[in-house]
């Protein structure tokens, strides 16, 4: 789902999600995503005025949370 010529894969092998992808995946609002960016809870970069987020961060974070689920996380 490439939009506005923003690459979904970088030279270093990471895939990128745009804001609409992240909001849809986690059912969050614009303001929640903004708050997560401002508080630096999620990594992001801005390309041509558009925020993009490394998919690897979400995969590793969700994977860690699933593995630690039984440990009160």
Protein backbone atom coordinates (compact mmCIF):
# COMPACT_ATOMS: atom_id res chain seq x y z
CA UNK A 1 0.00 0.00 0.00
CA UNK A 2 2.40 2.72 -1.17
CA UNK A 3 1.05 6.25 -1.05
CA UNK A 4 2.62 9.52 -2.16
CA UNK A 5 5.84 7.79 -3.24
CA UNK A 6 6.91 7.02 0.34
CA UNK A 7 8.89 3.80 0.30
CA UNK A 8 7.58 0.95 2.40
CA UNK A 9 11.05 -0.61 2.55
CA UNK A 10 14.36 1.12 3.15
CA UNK A 11 17.83 0.12 2.03
CA UNK A 12 18.50 -1.31 5.50
CA UNK A 13 15.58 -3.71 5.15
CA UNK A 14 12.95 -2.11 7.37
CA UNK A 15 9.35 -1.66 6.27
CA UNK A 16 7.51 1.54 7.11
CA UNK A 17 3.93 2.19 8.15
CA UNK A 18 2.23 5.51 7.62
CA UNK A 19 -0.02 7.18 10.21
CA UNK A 20 -3.20 5.71 8.78
CA UNK A 21 -1.70 2.19 8.96
CA UNK A 22 -0.75 2.62 12.63
CA UNK A 23 -4.11 4.17 13.58
CA UNK A 24 -6.01 1.38 11.85
CA UNK A 25 -3.86 -1.42 13.32
CA UNK A 26 -4.22 -0.19 16.90
CA UNK A 27 -7.59 1.54 16.64
CA UNK A 28 -6.23 4.85 17.92
CA UNK A 29 -7.06 8.45 17.09
CA UNK A 30 -4.93 11.17 15.51
CA UNK A 31 -4.47 12.78 18.91
CA UNK A 32 -3.30 9.53 20.51
CA UNK A 33 -0.77 8.97 17.75
CA UNK A 34 0.40 12.57 18.15
CA UNK A 35 0.81 12.08 21.91
CA UNK A 36 2.82 8.89 21.36
CA UNK A 37 5.12 10.75 18.95
CA UNK A 38 5.59 13.76 21.24
CA UNK A 39 6.31 11.57 24.29
CA UNK A 40 8.78 9.56 22.16
CA UNK A 41 7.03 6.29 23.01
CA UNK A 42 7.18 5.26 19.36
CA UNK A 43 9.95 5.91 16.83
CA UNK A 44 9.11 7.86 13.70
CA UNK A 45 10.60 9.93 10.94
CA UNK A 46 9.13 12.58 8.73
CA UNK A 47 9.50 12.21 4.98
CA UNK A 48 8.18 14.99 2.80
CA UNK A 49 5.80 16.22 5.47
CA UNK A 50 4.46 12.75 6.23
CA UNK A 51 5.16 10.75 9.38
CA UNK A 52 6.26 7.13 8.93
CA UNK A 53 6.95 4.48 11.56
CA UNK A 54 9.25 1.44 11.41
CA UNK A 55 7.18 -1.73 11.27
CA UNK A 56 9.96 -3.64 13.06
CA UNK A 57 9.32 -1.60 16.23
CA UNK A 58 5.69 -2.70 16.40
CA UNK A 59 6.49 -6.32 15.55
CA UNK A 60 9.21 -6.57 18.22
CA UNK A 61 7.18 -4.68 20.83
CA UNK A 62 4.08 -6.79 20.29
CA UNK A 63 6.16 -9.97 20.23
CA UNK A 64 7.78 -9.08 23.55
CA UNK A 65 4.43 -8.27 25.11
CA UNK A 66 2.96 -11.58 23.95
CA UNK A 67 5.93 -13.55 25.31
CA UNK A 68 5.74 -11.70 28.65
CA UNK A 69 1.96 -11.91 28.93
CA UNK A 70 2.05 -14.62 31.58
CA UNK A 71 4.50 -12.58 33.65
CA UNK A 72 2.12 -9.75 34.52
CA UNK A 73 3.07 -7.46 31.66
